[in-house]
């Protein structure tokens, strides 16, 4: 499983989405899942619009991966290490036992 943490306002997040969608389409029949955790809308103080993120994109790629809104960061707070900082986009690969295999964050 890949957890992708993003925000609508984030240019690198927007750029990564079509590649993530391609990987999802290539590997989902093998049980691979990508879940996008969307923190913010078009500004950091705005709730994310999940429909807008998936369907109304400038790159015209419709995203079919599951997307979850997490504006209050109640989901991501469980796996962010405060001392190491946090930036987006953030990609965390989880093994089948849900232990973290690897993590990559831009910035």
PDB file of N, CA and C in Angstrom:
ATOM      1  N   UNK A   1       0.843  -1.166   0.000  1.00  0.00           N
ATOM      2  CA  UNK A   1       0.000   0.000   0.000  1.00  0.00           C
ATOM      3  C   UNK A   1       0.890   1.231   0.000  1.00  0.00           C
ATOM      4  N   UNK A   2       0.480   2.210  -0.765  1.00  0.00           N
ATOM      5  CA  UNK A   2       1.162   3.493  -0.774  1.00  0.00           C
ATOM      6  C   UNK A   2       0.210   4.537  -0.227  1.00  0.00           C
ATOM      7  N   UNK A   3       0.639   5.228   0.824  1.00  0.00           N
ATOM      8  CA  UNK A   3      -0.094   6.380   1.323  1.00  0.00           C
ATOM      9  C   UNK A   3       0.575   7.614   0.744  1.00  0.00           C
ATOM     10  N   UNK A   4      -0.204   8.394   0.043  1.00  0.00           N
ATOM     11  CA  UNK A   4       0.294   9.624  -0.577  1.00  0.00           C
ATOM     12  C   UNK A   4      -0.380  10.782   0.149  1.00  0.00           C
ATOM     13  N   UNK A   5       0.390  11.607   0.853  1.00  0.00           N
ATOM     14  CA  UNK A   5      -0.165  12.755   1.547  1.00  0.00           C
ATOM     15  C   UNK A   5       0.066  13.977   0.669  1.00  0.00           C
ATOM     16  N   UNK A   6      -1.014  14.725   0.413  1.00  0.00           N
ATOM     17  CA  UNK A   6      -0.952  15.822  -0.543  1.00  0.00           C
ATOM     18  C   UNK A   6      -1.892  16.938  -0.115  1.00  0.00           C
ATOM     19  N   UNK A   7      -1.883  18.012  -0.888  1.00  0.00           N
ATOM     20  CA  UNK A   7      -2.821  19.125  -0.741  1.00  0.00           C
ATOM     21  C   UNK A   7      -3.123  19.670  -2.124  1.00  0.00           C
ATOM     22  N   UNK A   8      -4.320  20.194  -2.285  1.00  0.00           N
ATOM     23  CA  UNK A   8      -4.708  20.719  -3.594  1.00  0.00           C
ATOM     24  C   UNK A   8      -3.819  21.867  -4.049  1.00  0.00           C
ATOM     25  N   UNK A   9      -3.372  22.715  -3.149  1.00  0.00           N
ATOM     26  CA  UNK A   9      -2.570  23.886  -3.501  1.00  0.00           C
ATOM     27  C   UNK A   9      -1.130  23.529  -3.860  1.00  0.00           C
ATOM     28  N   UNK A  10      -0.689  22.335  -3.568  1.00  0.00           N
ATOM     29  CA  UNK A  10       0.704  21.911  -3.700  1.00  0.00           C
ATOM     30  C   UNK A  10       1.028  21.500  -5.144  1.00  0.00           C
ATOM     31  N   UNK A  11       1.862  22.300  -5.817  1.00  0.00           N
ATOM     32  CA  UNK A  11       2.256  21.997  -7.196  1.00  0.00           C
ATOM     33  C   UNK A  11       2.921  20.640  -7.356  1.00  0.00           C
ATOM     34  N   UNK A  12       3.921  20.283  -6.521  1.00  0.00           N
ATOM     35  CA  UNK A  12       4.526  18.964  -6.631  1.00  0.00           C
ATOM     36  C   UNK A  12       3.524  17.832  -6.378  1.00  0.00           C
ATOM     37  N   UNK A  13       2.543  18.062  -5.519  1.00  0.00           N
ATOM     38  CA  UNK A  13       1.501  17.054  -5.266  1.00  0.00           C
ATOM     39  C   UNK A  13       0.659  16.845  -6.524  1.00  0.00           C
ATOM     40  N   UNK A  14       0.289  17.947  -7.162  1.00  0.00           N
ATOM     41  CA  UNK A  14      -0.485  17.864  -8.387  1.00  0.00           C
ATOM     42  C   UNK A  14       0.296  17.150  -9.486  1.00  0.00           C
ATOM     43  N   UNK A  15       1.598  17.443  -9.565  1.00  0.00           N
ATOM     44  CA  UNK A  15       2.443  16.825 -10.591  1.00  0.00           C
ATOM     45  C   UNK A  15       2.614  15.327 -10.356  1.00  0.00           C
ATOM     46  N   UNK A  16       2.612  14.899  -9.103  1.00  0.00           N
ATOM     47  CA  UNK A  16       2.823  13.484  -8.769  1.00  0.00           C
ATOM     48  C   UNK A  16       1.563  12.640  -8.994  1.00  0.00           C
ATOM     49  N   UNK A  17       0.403  13.257  -8.952  1.00  0.00           N
ATOM     50  CA  UNK A  17      -0.855  12.514  -9.015  1.00  0.00           C
ATOM     51  C   UNK A  17      -1.024  11.662 -10.282  1.00  0.00           C
ATOM     52  N   UNK A  18      -0.746  12.178 -11.479  1.00  0.00           N
ATOM     53  CA  UNK A  18      -0.911  11.330 -12.669  1.00  0.00           C
ATOM     54  C   UNK A  18       0.016  10.105 -12.660  1.00  0.00           C
ATOM     55  N   UNK A  19       1.246  10.261 -12.166  1.00  0.00           N
ATOM     56  CA  UNK A  19       2.151   9.116 -12.087  1.00  0.00           C
ATOM     57  C   UNK A  19       1.641   8.086 -11.082  1.00  0.00           C
ATOM     58  N   UNK A  20       1.132   8.559  -9.957  1.00  0.00           N
ATOM     59  CA  UNK A  20       0.567   7.648  -8.964  1.00  0.00           C
ATOM     60  C   UNK A  20      -0.632   6.906  -9.555  1.00  0.00           C
ATOM     61  N   UNK A  21      -1.469   7.609 -10.302  1.00  0.00           N
ATOM     62  CA  UNK A  21      -2.625   6.981 -10.936  1.00  0.00           C
ATOM     63  C   UNK A  21      -2.181   5.892 -11.908  1.00  0.00           C
ATOM     64  N   UNK A  22      -1.144   6.165 -12.679  1.00  0.00           N
ATOM     65  CA  UNK A  22      -0.631   5.168 -13.629  1.00  0.00           C
ATOM     66  C   UNK A  22      -0.146   3.918 -12.904  1.00  0.00           C
ATOM     67  N   UNK A  23       0.588   4.100 -11.804  1.00  0.00           N
ATOM     68  CA  UNK A  23       1.068   2.953 -11.018  1.00  0.00           C
ATOM     69  C   UNK A  23      -0.096   2.174 -10.427  1.00  0.00           C
ATOM     70  N   UNK A  24      -1.085   2.914  -9.951  1.00  0.00           N
ATOM     71  CA  UNK A  24      -2.279   2.281  -9.383  1.00  0.00           C
ATOM     72  C   UNK A  24      -2.969   1.401 -10.423  1.00  0.00           C
ATOM     73  N   UNK A  25      -3.147   1.932 -11.624  1.00  0.00           N
ATOM     74  CA  UNK A  25      -3.788   1.157 -12.685  1.00  0.00           C
ATOM     75  C   UNK A  25      -2.962  -0.064 -13.068  1.00  0.00           C
ATOM     76  N   UNK A  26      -1.638   0.082 -13.103  1.00  0.00           N
ATOM     77  CA  UNK A  26      -0.753  -1.023 -13.485  1.00  0.00           C
ATOM     78  C   UNK A  26      -0.731  -2.145 -12.451  1.00  0.00           C
ATOM     79  N   UNK A  27      -0.854  -1.811 -11.177  1.00  0.00           N
ATOM     80  CA  UNK A  27      -0.595  -2.780 -10.112  1.00  0.00           C
ATOM     81  C   UNK A  27      -1.792  -3.171  -9.252  1.00  0.00           C
ATOM     82  N   UNK A  28      -2.934  -2.522  -9.436  1.00  0.00           N
ATOM     83  CA  UNK A  28      -4.052  -2.815  -8.534  1.00  0.00           C
ATOM     84  C   UNK A  28      -4.567  -4.242  -8.654  1.00  0.00           C
ATOM     85  N   UNK A  29      -4.447  -4.870  -9.824  1.00  0.00           N
ATOM     86  CA  UNK A  29      -4.876  -6.261  -9.972  1.00  0.00           C
ATOM     87  C   UNK A  29      -3.998  -7.222  -9.171  1.00  0.00           C
ATOM     88  N   UNK A  30      -2.829  -6.748  -8.759  1.00  0.00           N
ATOM     89  CA  UNK A  30      -1.927  -7.547  -7.924  1.00  0.00           C
ATOM     90  C   UNK A  30      -2.130  -7.251  -6.437  1.00  0.00           C
ATOM     91  N   UNK A  31      -3.147  -6.439  -6.118  1.00  0.00           N
ATOM     92  CA  UNK A  31      -3.448  -6.122  -4.732  1.00  0.00           C
ATOM     93  C   UNK A  31      -2.818  -4.839  -4.225  1.00  0.00           C
ATOM     94  N   UNK A  32      -2.137  -4.089  -5.108  1.00  0.00           N
ATOM     95  CA  UNK A  32      -1.508  -2.843  -4.703  1.00  0.00           C
ATOM     96  C   UNK A  32      -2.556  -1.740  -4.611  1.00  0.00           C
ATOM     97  N   UNK A  33      -2.532  -0.985  -3.533  1.00  0.00           N
ATOM     98  CA  UNK A  33      -3.491   0.086  -3.307  1.00  0.00           C
ATOM     99  C   UNK A  33      -2.727   1.383  -3.058  1.00  0.00           C
ATOM    100  N   UNK A  34      -3.225   2.465  -3.629  1.00  0.00           N
ATOM    101  CA  UNK A  34      -2.716   3.795  -3.321  1.00  0.00           C
ATOM    102  C   UNK A  34      -3.879   4.574  -2.721  1.00  0.00           C
ATOM    103  N   UNK A  35      -3.638   5.164  -1.569  1.00  0.00           N
ATOM    104  CA  UNK A  35      -4.640   6.009  -0.932  1.00  0.00           C
ATOM    105  C   UNK A  35      -4.043   7.404  -0.790  1.00  0.00           C
ATOM    106  N   UNK A  36      -4.742   8.395  -1.315  1.00  0.00           N
ATOM    107  CA  UNK A  36      -4.318   9.776  -1.164  1.00  0.00           C
ATOM    108  C   UNK A  36      -4.999  10.366   0.059  1.00  0.00           C
ATOM    109  N   UNK A  37      -4.200  10.936   0.935  1.00  0.00           N
ATOM    110  CA  UNK A  37      -4.708  11.645   2.100  1.00  0.00           C
ATOM    111  C   UNK A  37      -4.533  13.126   1.795  1.00  0.00           C
ATOM    112  N   UNK A  38      -5.628  13.805   1.562  1.00  0.00           N
ATOM    113  CA  UNK A  38      -5.613  15.196   1.109  1.00  0.00           C
ATOM    114  C   UNK A  38      -5.814  16.120   2.309  1.00  0.00           C
ATOM    115  N   UNK A  39      -4.786  16.917   2.610  1.00  0.00           N
ATOM    116  CA  UNK A  39      -4.804  17.752   3.806  1.00  0.00           C
ATOM    117  C   UNK A  39      -5.554  19.065   3.633  1.00  0.00           C
ATOM    118  N   UNK A  40      -5.334  19.741   2.520  1.00  0.00           N
ATOM    119  CA  UNK A  40      -5.878  21.091   2.341  1.00  0.00           C
ATOM    120  C   UNK A  40      -6.507  21.239   0.966  1.00  0.00           C
ATOM    121  N   UNK A  41      -7.296  22.311   0.845  1.00  0.00           N
ATOM    122  CA  UNK A  41      -7.880  22.674  -0.430  1.00  0.00           C
ATOM    123  C   UNK A  41      -6.932  23.552  -1.234  1.00  0.00           C
ATOM    124  N   UNK A  42      -7.491  24.539  -1.898  1.00  0.00           N
ATOM    125  CA  UNK A  42      -6.687  25.415  -2.757  1.00  0.00           C
ATOM    126  C   UNK A  42      -5.823  26.388  -1.957  1.00  0.00           C
ATOM    127  N   UNK A  43      -6.099  26.522  -0.663  1.00  0.00           N
ATOM    128  CA  UNK A  43      -5.250  27.278   0.261  1.00  0.00           C
ATOM    129  C   UNK A  43      -5.069  26.419   1.508  1.00  0.00           C
ATOM    130  N   UNK A  44      -4.010  26.653   2.274  1.00  0.00           N
ATOM    131  CA  UNK A  44      -3.767  25.833   3.465  1.00  0.00           C
ATOM    132  C   UNK A  44      -4.862  25.909   4.529  1.00  0.00           C
ATOM    133  N   UNK A  45      -5.667  26.963   4.538  1.00  0.00           N
ATOM    134  CA  UNK A  45      -6.707  27.065   5.551  1.00  0.00           C
ATOM    135  C   UNK A  45      -8.079  26.589   5.062  1.00  0.00           C
ATOM    136  N   UNK A  46      -8.114  25.972   3.889  1.00  0.00           N
ATOM    137  CA  UNK A  46      -9.369  25.520   3.295  1.00  0.00           C
ATOM    138  C   UNK A  46      -9.468  23.997   3.332  1.00  0.00           C
ATOM    139  N   UNK A  47     -10.656  23.494   3.643  1.00  0.00           N
ATOM    140  CA  UNK A  47     -10.915  22.056   3.582  1.00  0.00           C
ATOM    141  C   UNK A  47     -10.698  21.565   2.146  1.00  0.00           C
ATOM    142  N   UNK A  48     -10.158  20.372   1.965  1.00  0.00           N
ATOM    143  CA  UNK A  48      -9.984  19.857   0.602  1.00  0.00           C
ATOM    144  C   UNK A  48     -11.322  19.489  -0.029  1.00  0.00           C
ATOM    145  N   UNK A  49     -11.389  19.648  -1.331  1.00  0.00           N
ATOM    146  CA  UNK A  49     -12.556  19.250  -2.107  1.00  0.00           C
ATOM    147  C   UNK A  49     -12.162  17.971  -2.851  1.00  0.00           C
ATOM    148  N   UNK A  50     -12.599  16.834  -2.350  1.00  0.00           N
ATOM    149  CA  UNK A  50     -12.169  15.541  -2.889  1.00  0.00           C
ATOM    150  C   UNK A  50     -12.596  15.356  -4.336  1.00  0.00           C
ATOM    151  N   UNK A  51     -13.810  15.800  -4.670  1.00  0.00           N
ATOM    152  CA  UNK A  51     -14.290  15.686  -6.047  1.00  0.00           C
ATOM    153  C   UNK A  51     -13.434  16.532  -6.987  1.00  0.00           C
ATOM    154  N   UNK A  52     -13.117  17.730  -6.568  1.00  0.00           N
ATOM    155  CA  UNK A  52     -12.280  18.606  -7.407  1.00  0.00           C
ATOM    156  C   UNK A  52     -10.918  17.970  -7.633  1.00  0.00           C
ATOM    157  N   UNK A  53     -10.323  17.389  -6.601  1.00  0.00           N
ATOM    158  CA  UNK A  53      -9.009  16.753  -6.709  1.00  0.00           C
ATOM    159  C   UNK A  53      -9.043  15.596  -7.705  1.00  0.00           C
ATOM    160  N   UNK A  54     -10.103  14.800  -7.677  1.00  0.00           N
ATOM    161  CA  UNK A  54     -10.164  13.618  -8.519  1.00  0.00           C
ATOM    162  C   UNK A  54     -10.619  13.897  -9.946  1.00  0.00           C
ATOM    163  N   UNK A  55     -11.480  14.868 -10.139  1.00  0.00           N
ATOM    164  CA  UNK A  55     -12.138  14.989 -11.439  1.00  0.00           C
ATOM    165  C   UNK A  55     -11.901  16.277 -12.211  1.00  0.00           C
ATOM    166  N   UNK A  56     -11.496  17.320 -11.571  1.00  0.00           N
ATOM    167  CA  UNK A  56     -11.395  18.615 -12.259  1.00  0.00           C
ATOM    168  C   UNK A  56      -9.946  19.084 -12.254  1.00  0.00           C
ATOM    169  N   UNK A  57      -9.127  18.351 -12.934  1.00  0.00           N
ATOM    170  CA  UNK A  57      -7.692  18.597 -12.910  1.00  0.00           C
ATOM    171  C   UNK A  57      -7.248  19.203 -14.238  1.00  0.00           C
ATOM    172  N   UNK A  58      -6.267  20.089 -14.170  1.00  0.00           N
ATOM    173  CA  UNK A  58      -5.730  20.711 -15.382  1.00  0.00           C
ATOM    174  C   UNK A  58      -5.069  19.697 -16.299  1.00  0.00           C
ATOM    175  N   UNK A  59      -4.499  18.616 -15.720  1.00  0.00           N
ATOM    176  CA  UNK A  59      -3.828  17.618 -16.547  1.00  0.00           C
ATOM    177  C   UNK A  59      -4.820  16.649 -17.188  1.00  0.00           C
ATOM    178  N   UNK A  60      -6.110  16.815 -16.883  1.00  0.00           N
ATOM    179  CA  UNK A  60      -7.195  16.023 -17.454  1.00  0.00           C
ATOM    180  C   UNK A  60      -7.084  14.533 -17.161  1.00  0.00           C
ATOM    181  N   UNK A  61      -6.354  14.174 -16.118  1.00  0.00           N
ATOM    182  CA  UNK A  61      -6.265  12.786 -15.692  1.00  0.00           C
ATOM    183  C   UNK A  61      -7.277  12.590 -14.573  1.00  0.00           C
ATOM    184  N   UNK A  62      -8.237  11.710 -14.801  1.00  0.00           N
ATOM    185  CA  UNK A  62      -9.199  11.407 -13.745  1.00  0.00           C
ATOM    186  C   UNK A  62      -8.551  10.430 -12.771  1.00  0.00           C
ATOM    187  N   UNK A  63      -8.569  10.779 -11.506  1.00  0.00           N
ATOM    188  CA  UNK A  63      -7.964   9.936 -10.485  1.00  0.00           C
ATOM    189  C   UNK A  63      -9.013   8.986  -9.925  1.00  0.00           C
ATOM    190  N   UNK A  64      -8.724   7.691  -9.973  1.00  0.00           N
ATOM    191  CA  UNK A  64      -9.657   6.693  -9.467  1.00  0.00           C
ATOM    192  C   UNK A  64      -9.176   6.072  -8.164  1.00  0.00           C
ATOM    193  N   UNK A  65      -8.002   6.485  -7.703  1.00  0.00           N
ATOM    194  CA  UNK A  65      -7.488   5.983  -6.428  1.00  0.00           C
ATOM    195  C   UNK A  65      -8.353   6.532  -5.303  1.00  0.00           C
ATOM    196  N   UNK A  66      -8.485   5.790  -4.218  1.00  0.00           N
ATOM    197  CA  UNK A  66      -9.230   6.324  -3.074  1.00  0.00           C
ATOM    198  C   UNK A  66      -8.560   7.585  -2.534  1.00  0.00           C
ATOM    199  N   UNK A  67      -9.378   8.557  -2.131  1.00  0.00           N
ATOM    200  CA  UNK A  67      -8.873   9.803  -1.550  1.00  0.00           C
ATOM    201  C   UNK A  67      -9.661  10.094  -0.278  1.00  0.00           C
ATOM    202  N   UNK A  68      -8.950  10.486   0.749  1.00  0.00           N
ATOM    203  CA  UNK A  68      -9.539  10.774   2.057  1.00  0.00           C
ATOM    204  C   UNK A  68      -9.159  12.196   2.441  1.00  0.00           C
ATOM    205  N   UNK A  69     -10.112  12.970   2.911  1.00  0.00           N
ATOM    206  CA  UNK A  69      -9.828  14.305   3.420  1.00  0.00           C
ATOM    207  C   UNK A  69      -9.341  14.228   4.859  1.00  0.00           C
ATOM    208  N   UNK A  70      -8.294  14.982   5.174  1.00  0.00           N
ATOM    209  CA  UNK A  70      -7.727  14.957   6.525  1.00  0.00           C
ATOM    210  C   UNK A  70      -7.239  16.356   6.906  1.00  0.00           C
ATOM    211  N   UNK A  71      -8.129  17.337   6.787  1.00  0.00           N
ATOM    212  CA  UNK A  71      -7.746  18.728   7.029  1.00  0.00           C
ATOM    213  C   UNK A  71      -7.257  18.953   8.466  1.00  0.00           C
ATOM    214  N   UNK A  72      -7.816  18.235   9.419  1.00  0.00           N
ATOM    215  CA  UNK A  72      -7.378  18.387  10.817  1.00  0.00           C
ATOM    216  C   UNK A  72      -6.178  17.497  11.154  1.00  0.00           C
ATOM    217  N   UNK A  73      -5.690  16.762  10.173  1.00  0.00           N
ATOM    218  CA  UNK A  73      -4.510  15.900  10.274  1.00  0.00           C
ATOM    219  C   UNK A  73      -4.638  14.818  11.345  1.00  0.00           C
ATOM    220  N   UNK A  74      -5.855  14.350  11.580  1.00  0.00           N
ATOM    221  CA  UNK A  74      -6.068  13.301  12.572  1.00  0.00           C
ATOM    222  C   UNK A  74      -5.571  11.941  12.084  1.00  0.00           C
ATOM    223  N   UNK A  75      -5.429  11.780  10.784  1.00  0.00           N
ATOM    224  CA  UNK A  75      -4.889  10.518  10.253  1.00  0.00           C
ATOM    225  C   UNK A  75      -3.371  10.573  10.216  1.00  0.00           C
ATOM    226  N   UNK A  76      -2.822  11.604   9.580  1.00  0.00           N
ATOM    227  CA  UNK A  76      -1.368  11.647   9.391  1.00  0.00           C
ATOM    228  C   UNK A  76      -0.602  11.840  10.695  1.00  0.00           C
ATOM    229  N   UNK A  77      -1.248  12.373  11.731  1.00  0.00           N
ATOM    230  CA  UNK A  77      -0.542  12.572  12.996  1.00  0.00           C
ATOM    231  C   UNK A  77      -0.054  11.261  13.603  1.00  0.00           C
ATOM    232  N   UNK A  78      -0.637  10.151  13.185  1.00  0.00           N
ATOM    233  CA  UNK A  78      -0.265   8.853  13.750  1.00  0.00           C
ATOM    234  C   UNK A  78       1.034   8.288  13.196  1.00  0.00           C
ATOM    235  N   UNK A  79       1.512   8.824  12.092  1.00  0.00           N
ATOM    236  CA  UNK A  79       2.763   8.289  11.573  1.00  0.00           C
ATOM    237  C   UNK A  79       3.790   9.355  11.212  1.00  0.00           C
ATOM    238  N   UNK A  80       3.557  10.582  11.597  1.00  0.00           N
ATOM    239  CA  UNK A  80       4.527  11.647  11.383  1.00  0.00           C
ATOM    240  C   UNK A  80       5.401  11.765  12.620  1.00  0.00           C
ATOM    241  N   UNK A  81       6.700  11.703  12.428  1.00  0.00           N
ATOM    242  CA  UNK A  81       7.622  11.897  13.530  1.00  0.00           C
ATOM    243  C   UNK A  81       7.912  13.387  13.643  1.00  0.00           C
ATOM    244  N   UNK A  82       7.491  13.994  14.745  1.00  0.00           N
ATOM    245  CA  UNK A  82       7.590  15.446  14.912  1.00  0.00           C
ATOM    246  C   UNK A  82       9.023  15.953  14.797  1.00  0.00           C
ATOM    247  N   UNK A  83       9.970  15.203  15.319  1.00  0.00           N
ATOM    248  CA  UNK A  83      11.351  15.680  15.292  1.00  0.00           C
ATOM    249  C   UNK A  83      11.965  15.645  13.897  1.00  0.00           C
ATOM    250  N   UNK A  84      11.437  14.843  12.990  1.00  0.00           N
ATOM    251  CA  UNK A  84      12.000  14.787  11.643  1.00  0.00           C
ATOM    252  C   UNK A  84      11.317  15.757  10.686  1.00  0.00           C
ATOM    253  N   UNK A  85      10.241  16.389  11.125  1.00  0.00           N
ATOM    254  CA  UNK A  85       9.534  17.319  10.258  1.00  0.00           C
ATOM    255  C   UNK A  85       8.611  16.595   9.294  1.00  0.00           C
ATOM    256  N   UNK A  86       7.899  17.371   8.504  1.00  0.00           N
ATOM    257  CA  UNK A  86       6.942  16.798   7.573  1.00  0.00           C
ATOM    258  C   UNK A  86       6.762  17.765   6.418  1.00  0.00           C
ATOM    259  N   UNK A  87       6.809  17.252   5.217  1.00  0.00           N
ATOM    260  CA  UNK A  87       6.517  18.066   4.049  1.00  0.00           C
ATOM    261  C   UNK A  87       5.720  17.236   3.053  1.00  0.00           C
ATOM    262  N   UNK A  88       5.106  17.922   2.111  1.00  0.00           N
ATOM    263  CA  UNK A  88       4.318  17.231   1.097  1.00  0.00           C
ATOM    264  C   UNK A  88       4.868  17.584  -0.277  1.00  0.00           C
ATOM    265  N   UNK A  89       4.686  16.700  -1.235  1.00  0.00           N
ATOM    266  CA  UNK A  89       4.055  15.400  -1.093  1.00  0.00           C
ATOM    267  C   UNK A  89       4.908  14.451  -0.254  1.00  0.00           C
ATOM    268  N   UNK A  90       4.210  13.550   0.395  1.00  0.00           N
ATOM    269  CA  UNK A  90       4.838  12.577   1.267  1.00  0.00           C
ATOM    270  C   UNK A  90       4.315  11.210   0.841  1.00  0.00           C
ATOM    271  N   UNK A  91       5.215  10.274   0.633  1.00  0.00           N
ATOM    272  CA  UNK A  91       4.840   8.939   0.165  1.00  0.00           C
ATOM    273  C   UNK A  91       5.354   7.911   1.159  1.00  0.00           C
ATOM    274  N   UNK A  92       4.458   7.096   1.679  1.00  0.00           N
ATOM    275  CA  UNK A  92       4.829   6.058   2.628  1.00  0.00           C
ATOM    276  C   UNK A  92       4.353   4.719   2.091  1.00  0.00           C
ATOM    277  N   UNK A  93       5.278   3.774   1.962  1.00  0.00           N
ATOM    278  CA  UNK A  93       4.918   2.433   1.526  1.00  0.00           C
ATOM    279  C   UNK A  93       4.754   1.560   2.762  1.00  0.00           C
ATOM    280  N   UNK A  94       3.584   0.924   2.843  1.00  0.00           N
ATOM    281  CA  UNK A  94       3.284   0.020   3.948  1.00  0.00           C
ATOM    282  C   UNK A  94       3.301  -1.410   3.441  1.00  0.00           C
ATOM    283  N   UNK A  95       3.900  -2.298   4.240  1.00  0.00           N
ATOM    284  CA  UNK A  95       3.856  -3.725   3.919  1.00  0.00           C
ATOM    285  C   UNK A  95       2.453  -4.265   4.207  1.00  0.00           C
ATOM    286  N   UNK A  96       2.223  -5.496   3.845  1.00  0.00           N
ATOM    287  CA  UNK A  96       0.911  -6.099   4.077  1.00  0.00           C
ATOM    288  C   UNK A  96       0.541  -6.143   5.561  1.00  0.00           C
ATOM    289  N   UNK A  97       1.544  -6.165   6.444  1.00  0.00           N
ATOM    290  CA  UNK A  97       1.273  -6.147   7.884  1.00  0.00           C
ATOM    291  C   UNK A  97       1.094  -4.719   8.410  1.00  0.00           C
ATOM    292  N   UNK A  98       1.061  -3.737   7.489  1.00  0.00           N
ATOM    293  CA  UNK A  98       0.857  -2.309   7.753  1.00  0.00           C
ATOM    294  C   UNK A  98       2.017  -1.644   8.487  1.00  0.00           C
ATOM    295  N   UNK A  99       3.161  -2.291   8.521  1.00  0.00           N
ATOM    296  CA  UNK A  99       4.375  -1.664   9.026  1.00  0.00           C
ATOM    297  C   UNK A  99       4.984  -0.830   7.900  1.00  0.00           C
ATOM    298  N   UNK A 100       5.628   0.272   8.263  1.00  0.00           N
ATOM    299  CA  UNK A 100       6.227   1.144   7.257  1.00  0.00           C
ATOM    300  C   UNK A 100       7.445   0.467   6.635  1.00  0.00           C
ATOM    301  N   UNK A 101       7.421   0.346   5.330  1.00  0.00           N
ATOM    302  CA  UNK A 101       8.535  -0.202   4.561  1.00  0.00           C
ATOM    303  C   UNK A 101       9.543   0.897   4.219  1.00  0.00           C
ATOM    304  N   UNK A 102       9.015   1.999   3.695  1.00  0.00           N
ATOM    305  CA  UNK A 102       9.876   3.131   3.363  1.00  0.00           C
ATOM    306  C   UNK A 102       9.038   4.390   3.266  1.00  0.00           C
ATOM    307  N   UNK A 103       9.719   5.539   3.337  1.00  0.00           N
ATOM    308  CA  UNK A 103       9.038   6.811   3.275  1.00  0.00           C
ATOM    309  C   UNK A 103       9.891   7.778   2.461  1.00  0.00           C
ATOM    310  N   UNK A 104       9.200   8.601   1.686  1.00  0.00           N
ATOM    311  CA  UNK A 104       9.877   9.627   0.903  1.00  0.00           C
ATOM    312  C   UNK A 104       9.038  10.890   0.986  1.00  0.00           C
ATOM    313  N   UNK A 105       9.679  11.997   1.244  1.00  0.00           N
ATOM    314  CA  UNK A 105       8.956  13.261   1.200  1.00  0.00           C
ATOM    315  C   UNK A 105       9.779  14.283   0.437  1.00  0.00           C
ATOM    316  N   UNK A 106       9.091  15.068  -0.349  1.00  0.00           N
ATOM    317  CA  UNK A 106       9.744  16.126  -1.097  1.00  0.00           C
ATOM    318  C   UNK A 106      10.091  17.243  -0.119  1.00  0.00           C
ATOM    319  N   UNK A 107      11.237  17.865  -0.303  1.00  0.00           N
ATOM    320  CA  UNK A 107      11.642  18.958   0.573  1.00  0.00           C
ATOM    321  C   UNK A 107      12.496  18.466   1.698  1.00  0.00           C
TER     322      UNK A 107
END
